[in-house]
Amino acid sequence: MEIQQTEVQTNRVLTIPNLLSVLRLLGIPLFLWLVLGPEADGWAFVVLAASAFTDYLDGVLARRWHQISRVGQLLDPIADRLYILATVIALTLREIVPVWFAVALIARDVFLAGLVPALRRRGLTALPVHFLGKAATFTLLAAFPLLLLGDGESTLALLARVFGWSFAIWGLGLYWWAGLLYAEQARRLLRTT
């Protein structure tokens, strides 16, 4: 007999998962400085990799330790969006990714942001996160460090560039697909409320 376990949301703010999300947010200016200032790509790679790992870890710990909180449910996607935005802008300024790629990623978030006022008027604060959205974010967060490592002429840089662009193209497609699913979710919610 299988026992269904439900996720219980807490109002606690000071939790390890929330601390990890705050640390991710604090890593954004550090990452930008490393990439755009001294161009310390190795350290910037470490910051990006740590961000991706802590993104995974905060969710696991929140579920395992029953520390799912409203604050965490807000902080985590904000950190994800800001990391994606900051990284794609930095990589575009460094000419590691083309402008069209940055525009395509940012346009998806602008598209979804357009739904927020209608949702708020109906008393809805957020859409439920689905697996495809998480997969898209994971794929993009895996692509960015590889693209950063791919900025060079070595064999390792070539391999990183090939794998980085593979993840980036898949991530972009998944990101938009998830965005369209979120838009459909919003349409259904707005229709029924």
C-alpha atoms as a PDB file:
ATOM      1  CA  MET A   1       0.000   0.000   0.000  1.00  0.00           C
ATOM      2  CA  GLU A   2       1.443   3.353  -1.056  1.00  0.00           C
ATOM      3  CA  ILE A   3       1.033   6.314   1.251  1.00  0.00           C
ATOM      4  CA  GLN A   4       0.531   9.632  -0.505  1.00  0.00           C
ATOM      5  CA  GLN A   5       2.729  12.317   1.029  1.00  0.00           C
ATOM      6  CA  THR A   6       1.579  15.906   0.647  1.00  0.00           C
ATOM      7  CA  GLU A   7       3.814  18.931   0.769  1.00  0.00           C
ATOM      8  CA  VAL A   8       3.027  21.126   3.734  1.00  0.00           C
ATOM      9  CA  GLN A   9       3.782  24.815   3.397  1.00  0.00           C
ATOM     10  CA  THR A  10       5.206  26.655   6.376  1.00  0.00           C
ATOM     11  CA  ASN A  11       5.342  30.375   7.121  1.00  0.00           C
ATOM     12  CA  ARG A  12       8.917  30.118   8.383  1.00  0.00           C
ATOM     13  CA  VAL A  13      11.341  32.499   6.758  1.00  0.00           C
ATOM     14  CA  LEU A  14      14.648  31.451   8.319  1.00  0.00           C
ATOM     15  CA  THR A  15      15.245  28.050   6.764  1.00  0.00           C
ATOM     16  CA  ILE A  16      18.282  26.486   5.124  1.00  0.00           C
ATOM     17  CA  PRO A  17      16.527  26.298   1.700  1.00  0.00           C
ATOM     18  CA  ASN A  18      15.633  30.008   1.903  1.00  0.00           C
ATOM     19  CA  LEU A  19      19.200  30.832   2.940  1.00  0.00           C
ATOM     20  CA  LEU A  20      20.460  28.976  -0.147  1.00  0.00           C
ATOM     21  CA  SER A  21      18.116  31.048  -2.339  1.00  0.00           C
ATOM     22  CA  VAL A  22      19.366  34.282  -0.744  1.00  0.00           C
ATOM     23  CA  LEU A  23      22.974  33.176  -1.323  1.00  0.00           C
ATOM     24  CA  ARG A  24      22.106  32.544  -4.970  1.00  0.00           C
ATOM     25  CA  LEU A  25      20.706  36.071  -5.237  1.00  0.00           C
ATOM     26  CA  LEU A  26      23.852  37.500  -3.650  1.00  0.00           C
ATOM     27  CA  GLY A  27      25.948  35.580  -6.168  1.00  0.00           C
ATOM     28  CA  ILE A  28      24.443  37.462  -9.128  1.00  0.00           C
ATOM     29  CA  PRO A  29      26.427  40.710  -8.722  1.00  0.00           C
ATOM     30  CA  LEU A  30      29.558  38.673  -8.007  1.00  0.00           C
ATOM     31  CA  PHE A  31      29.039  36.687 -11.205  1.00  0.00           C
ATOM     32  CA  LEU A  32      28.452  39.851 -13.242  1.00  0.00           C
ATOM     33  CA  TRP A  33      31.586  41.475 -11.854  1.00  0.00           C
ATOM     34  CA  LEU A  34      33.690  38.355 -12.564  1.00  0.00           C
ATOM     35  CA  VAL A  35      32.450  38.080 -16.165  1.00  0.00           C
ATOM     36  CA  LEU A  36      32.382  41.756 -17.105  1.00  0.00           C
ATOM     37  CA  GLY A  37      35.180  43.160 -14.911  1.00  0.00           C
ATOM     38  CA  PRO A  38      38.329  41.079 -14.744  1.00  0.00           C
ATOM     39  CA  GLU A  39      36.865  38.410 -17.075  1.00  0.00           C
ATOM     40  CA  ALA A  40      37.753  35.774 -14.482  1.00  0.00           C
ATOM     41  CA  ASP A  41      35.831  33.073 -16.343  1.00  0.00           C
ATOM     42  CA  GLY A  42      37.045  30.234 -14.125  1.00  0.00           C
ATOM     43  CA  TRP A  43      35.660  31.887 -10.997  1.00  0.00           C
ATOM     44  CA  ALA A  44      32.510  32.945 -12.830  1.00  0.00           C
ATOM     45  CA  PHE A  45      32.055  29.305 -13.851  1.00  0.00           C
ATOM     46  CA  VAL A  46      32.355  28.278 -10.183  1.00  0.00           C
ATOM     47  CA  VAL A  47      29.695  30.843  -9.182  1.00  0.00           C
ATOM     48  CA  LEU A  48      27.340  29.626 -11.938  1.00  0.00           C
ATOM     49  CA  ALA A  49      27.907  25.978 -11.056  1.00  0.00           C
ATOM     50  CA  ALA A  50      27.317  26.720  -7.356  1.00  0.00           C
ATOM     51  CA  SER A  51      24.107  28.532  -8.284  1.00  0.00           C
ATOM     52  CA  ALA A  52      22.839  25.581 -10.310  1.00  0.00           C
ATOM     53  CA  PHE A  53      23.728  23.139  -7.533  1.00  0.00           C
ATOM     54  CA  THR A  54      22.120  25.215  -4.782  1.00  0.00           C
ATOM     55  CA  ASP A  55      19.011  25.654  -6.970  1.00  0.00           C
ATOM     56  CA  TYR A  56      18.685  21.878  -6.982  1.00  0.00           C
ATOM     57  CA  LEU A  57      19.661  21.522  -3.327  1.00  0.00           C
ATOM     58  CA  ASP A  58      17.232  24.074  -1.890  1.00  0.00           C
ATOM     59  CA  GLY A  59      14.255  22.223  -3.383  1.00  0.00           C
ATOM     60  CA  VAL A  60      15.470  18.839  -2.181  1.00  0.00           C
ATOM     61  CA  LEU A  61      16.118  20.110   1.339  1.00  0.00           C
ATOM     62  CA  ALA A  62      12.820  21.994   1.528  1.00  0.00           C
ATOM     63  CA  ARG A  63      10.907  18.808   0.711  1.00  0.00           C
ATOM     64  CA  ARG A  64      13.042  16.467   2.822  1.00  0.00           C
ATOM     65  CA  TRP A  65      13.073  18.713   5.888  1.00  0.00           C
ATOM     66  CA  HIS A  66       9.453  19.871   5.420  1.00  0.00           C
ATOM     67  CA  GLN A  67      10.601  23.481   5.058  1.00  0.00           C
ATOM     68  CA  ILE A  68       8.557  24.438   2.009  1.00  0.00           C
ATOM     69  CA  SER A  69       7.596  28.051   2.598  1.00  0.00           C
ATOM     70  CA  ARG A  70       5.808  30.816   0.764  1.00  0.00           C
ATOM     71  CA  VAL A  71       9.022  32.868   0.933  1.00  0.00           C
ATOM     72  CA  GLY A  72      10.956  30.018  -0.662  1.00  0.00           C
ATOM     73  CA  GLN A  73       8.312  29.577  -3.354  1.00  0.00           C
ATOM     74  CA  LEU A  74       8.838  33.243  -4.260  1.00  0.00           C
ATOM     75  CA  LEU A  75      12.625  33.461  -3.801  1.00  0.00           C
ATOM     76  CA  ASP A  76      13.524  30.392  -5.859  1.00  0.00           C
ATOM     77  CA  PRO A  77      11.901  31.422  -9.172  1.00  0.00           C
ATOM     78  CA  ILE A  78      13.047  35.027  -8.685  1.00  0.00           C
ATOM     79  CA  ALA A  79      16.629  33.813  -8.265  1.00  0.00           C
ATOM     80  CA  ASP A  80      16.241  31.579 -11.342  1.00  0.00           C
ATOM     81  CA  ARG A  81      14.885  34.398 -13.523  1.00  0.00           C
ATOM     82  CA  LEU A  82      17.514  36.881 -12.330  1.00  0.00           C
ATOM     83  CA  TYR A  83      20.356  34.410 -12.897  1.00  0.00           C
ATOM     84  CA  ILE A  84      19.106  33.657 -16.382  1.00  0.00           C
ATOM     85  CA  LEU A  85      18.670  37.366 -17.162  1.00  0.00           C
ATOM     86  CA  ALA A  86      22.034  38.411 -15.705  1.00  0.00           C
ATOM     87  CA  THR A  87      23.887  35.547 -17.359  1.00  0.00           C
ATOM     88  CA  VAL A  88      22.393  36.002 -20.798  1.00  0.00           C
ATOM     89  CA  ILE A  89      23.062  39.755 -20.684  1.00  0.00           C
ATOM     90  CA  ALA A  90      26.663  39.219 -19.521  1.00  0.00           C
ATOM     91  CA  LEU A  91      27.314  36.546 -22.146  1.00  0.00           C
ATOM     92  CA  THR A  92      25.781  38.783 -24.818  1.00  0.00           C
ATOM     93  CA  LEU A  93      27.941  41.745 -23.788  1.00  0.00           C
ATOM     94  CA  ARG A  94      30.995  39.477 -23.963  1.00  0.00           C
ATOM     95  CA  GLU A  95      29.783  38.299 -27.419  1.00  0.00           C
ATOM     96  CA  ILE A  96      29.683  34.678 -26.244  1.00  0.00           C
ATOM     97  CA  VAL A  97      26.015  34.395 -27.237  1.00  0.00           C
ATOM     98  CA  PRO A  98      24.339  36.338 -30.056  1.00  0.00           C
ATOM     99  CA  VAL A  99      21.791  39.073 -29.432  1.00  0.00           C
ATOM    100  CA  TRP A 100      18.947  37.001 -30.947  1.00  0.00           C
ATOM    101  CA  PHE A 101      19.427  34.365 -28.234  1.00  0.00           C
ATOM    102  CA  ALA A 102      19.214  36.972 -25.460  1.00  0.00           C
ATOM    103  CA  VAL A 103      16.143  38.567 -27.027  1.00  0.00           C
ATOM    104  CA  ALA A 104      14.414  35.176 -27.375  1.00  0.00           C
ATOM    105  CA  LEU A 105      14.989  34.342 -23.689  1.00  0.00           C
ATOM    106  CA  ILE A 106      14.003  37.762 -22.391  1.00  0.00           C
ATOM    107  CA  ALA A 107      10.938  37.933 -24.673  1.00  0.00           C
ATOM    108  CA  ARG A 108       9.503  34.812 -23.029  1.00  0.00           C
ATOM    109  CA  ASP A 109       9.681  36.385 -19.576  1.00  0.00           C
ATOM    110  CA  VAL A 110       8.217  39.658 -20.881  1.00  0.00           C
ATOM    111  CA  PHE A 111       5.397  37.647 -22.481  1.00  0.00           C
ATOM    112  CA  LEU A 112       4.598  35.923 -19.175  1.00  0.00           C
ATOM    113  CA  ALA A 113       4.952  39.136 -17.171  1.00  0.00           C
ATOM    114  CA  GLY A 114       2.120  40.515 -19.289  1.00  0.00           C
ATOM    115  CA  LEU A 115      -0.183  37.944 -17.689  1.00  0.00           C
ATOM    116  CA  VAL A 116       0.560  39.030 -14.109  1.00  0.00           C
ATOM    117  CA  PRO A 117      -1.807  42.042 -13.918  1.00  0.00           C
ATOM    118  CA  ALA A 118      -4.787  39.962 -15.099  1.00  0.00           C
ATOM    119  CA  LEU A 119      -3.945  37.195 -12.624  1.00  0.00           C
ATOM    120  CA  ARG A 120      -3.565  39.672  -9.737  1.00  0.00           C
ATOM    121  CA  ARG A 121      -6.911  41.320 -10.539  1.00  0.00           C
ATOM    122  CA  ARG A 122      -8.476  37.903  -9.963  1.00  0.00           C
ATOM    123  CA  GLY A 123      -6.600  37.386  -6.691  1.00  0.00           C
ATOM    124  CA  LEU A 124      -4.082  34.923  -8.101  1.00  0.00           C
ATOM    125  CA  THR A 125      -0.453  35.476  -7.124  1.00  0.00           C
ATOM    126  CA  ALA A 126       1.392  32.728  -8.979  1.00  0.00           C
ATOM    127  CA  LEU A 127       0.878  29.804 -11.290  1.00  0.00           C
ATOM    128  CA  PRO A 128       1.775  26.316 -10.098  1.00  0.00           C
ATOM    129  CA  VAL A 129       5.263  25.347 -11.253  1.00  0.00           C
ATOM    130  CA  HIS A 130       5.327  22.331 -13.545  1.00  0.00           C
ATOM    131  CA  PHE A 131       8.056  19.890 -14.440  1.00  0.00           C
ATOM    132  CA  LEU A 132       8.664  21.340 -17.898  1.00  0.00           C
ATOM    133  CA  GLY A 133       9.408  24.761 -16.407  1.00  0.00           C
ATOM    134  CA  LYS A 134      11.897  23.202 -14.004  1.00  0.00           C
ATOM    135  CA  ALA A 135      13.485  21.195 -16.826  1.00  0.00           C
ATOM    136  CA  ALA A 136      13.846  24.330 -18.974  1.00  0.00           C
ATOM    137  CA  THR A 137      15.500  26.260 -16.147  1.00  0.00           C
ATOM    138  CA  PHE A 138      17.833  23.352 -15.361  1.00  0.00           C
ATOM    139  CA  THR A 139      18.834  23.010 -19.018  1.00  0.00           C
ATOM    140  CA  LEU A 140      19.606  26.718 -19.350  1.00  0.00           C
ATOM    141  CA  LEU A 141      21.525  26.788 -16.073  1.00  0.00           C
ATOM    142  CA  ALA A 142      23.573  23.841 -17.384  1.00  0.00           C
ATOM    143  CA  ALA A 143      24.184  25.595 -20.722  1.00  0.00           C
ATOM    144  CA  PHE A 144      25.521  28.887 -19.392  1.00  0.00           C
ATOM    145  CA  PRO A 145      28.630  27.616 -17.580  1.00  0.00           C
ATOM    146  CA  LEU A 146      29.507  25.495 -20.623  1.00  0.00           C
ATOM    147  CA  LEU A 147      29.111  28.465 -22.966  1.00  0.00           C
ATOM    148  CA  LEU A 148      31.343  30.495 -20.668  1.00  0.00           C
ATOM    149  CA  LEU A 149      33.981  27.739 -20.708  1.00  0.00           C
ATOM    150  CA  GLY A 150      33.593  27.556 -24.480  1.00  0.00           C
ATOM    151  CA  ASP A 151      34.971  31.065 -24.916  1.00  0.00           C
ATOM    152  CA  GLY A 152      38.417  30.007 -26.044  1.00  0.00           C
ATOM    153  CA  GLU A 153      40.404  28.089 -28.639  1.00  0.00           C
ATOM    154  CA  SER A 154      41.379  24.886 -26.820  1.00  0.00           C
ATOM    155  CA  THR A 155      39.887  21.451 -27.401  1.00  0.00           C
ATOM    156  CA  LEU A 156      38.173  21.715 -24.011  1.00  0.00           C
ATOM    157  CA  ALA A 157      36.663  25.064 -25.051  1.00  0.00           C
ATOM    158  CA  LEU A 158      35.395  23.522 -28.306  1.00  0.00           C
ATOM    159  CA  LEU A 159      33.760  20.621 -26.434  1.00  0.00           C
ATOM    160  CA  ALA A 160      32.235  23.004 -23.884  1.00  0.00           C
ATOM    161  CA  ARG A 161      30.889  25.189 -26.719  1.00  0.00           C
ATOM    162  CA  VAL A 162      29.307  22.210 -28.531  1.00  0.00           C
ATOM    163  CA  PHE A 163      27.666  20.852 -25.384  1.00  0.00           C
ATOM    164  CA  GLY A 164      26.801  24.358 -24.175  1.00  0.00           C
ATOM    165  CA  TRP A 165      24.970  25.216 -27.396  1.00  0.00           C
ATOM    166  CA  SER A 166      23.214  21.835 -27.354  1.00  0.00           C
ATOM    167  CA  PHE A 167      21.860  22.610 -23.891  1.00  0.00           C
ATOM    168  CA  ALA A 168      21.165  26.243 -24.824  1.00  0.00           C
ATOM    169  CA  ILE A 169      19.032  25.416 -27.880  1.00  0.00           C
ATOM    170  CA  TRP A 170      17.130  22.695 -26.021  1.00  0.00           C
ATOM    171  CA  GLY A 171      16.760  25.023 -23.052  1.00  0.00           C
ATOM    172  CA  LEU A 172      15.411  27.850 -25.204  1.00  0.00           C
ATOM    173  CA  GLY A 173      12.858  25.519 -26.788  1.00  0.00           C
ATOM    174  CA  LEU A 174      11.801  24.091 -23.429  1.00  0.00           C
ATOM    175  CA  TYR A 175      11.693  27.590 -21.922  1.00  0.00           C
ATOM    176  CA  TRP A 176       9.240  28.783 -24.562  1.00  0.00           C
ATOM    177  CA  TRP A 177       7.229  25.559 -24.450  1.00  0.00           C
ATOM    178  CA  ALA A 178       6.916  25.908 -20.669  1.00  0.00           C
ATOM    179  CA  GLY A 179       5.977  29.572 -21.148  1.00  0.00           C
ATOM    180  CA  LEU A 180       3.167  28.625 -23.512  1.00  0.00           C
ATOM    181  CA  LEU A 181       1.945  26.018 -21.015  1.00  0.00           C
ATOM    182  CA  TYR A 182       1.990  28.664 -18.260  1.00  0.00           C
ATOM    183  CA  ALA A 183       0.020  31.005 -20.534  1.00  0.00           C
ATOM    184  CA  GLU A 184      -2.548  28.267 -21.145  1.00  0.00           C
ATOM    185  CA  GLN A 185      -2.718  27.627 -17.387  1.00  0.00           C
ATOM    186  CA  ALA A 186      -3.341  31.332 -16.838  1.00  0.00           C
ATOM    187  CA  ARG A 187      -6.022  31.424 -19.539  1.00  0.00           C
ATOM    188  CA  ARG A 188      -7.890  28.535 -17.911  1.00  0.00           C
ATOM    189  CA  LEU A 189      -7.613  30.060 -14.446  1.00  0.00           C
ATOM    190  CA  LEU A 190      -8.810  33.445 -15.677  1.00  0.00           C
ATOM    191  CA  ARG A 191     -11.715  31.813 -17.459  1.00  0.00           C
ATOM    192  CA  THR A 192     -12.895  29.945 -14.345  1.00  0.00           C
ATOM    193  CA  THR A 193     -12.422  32.707 -11.736  1.00  0.00           C
END
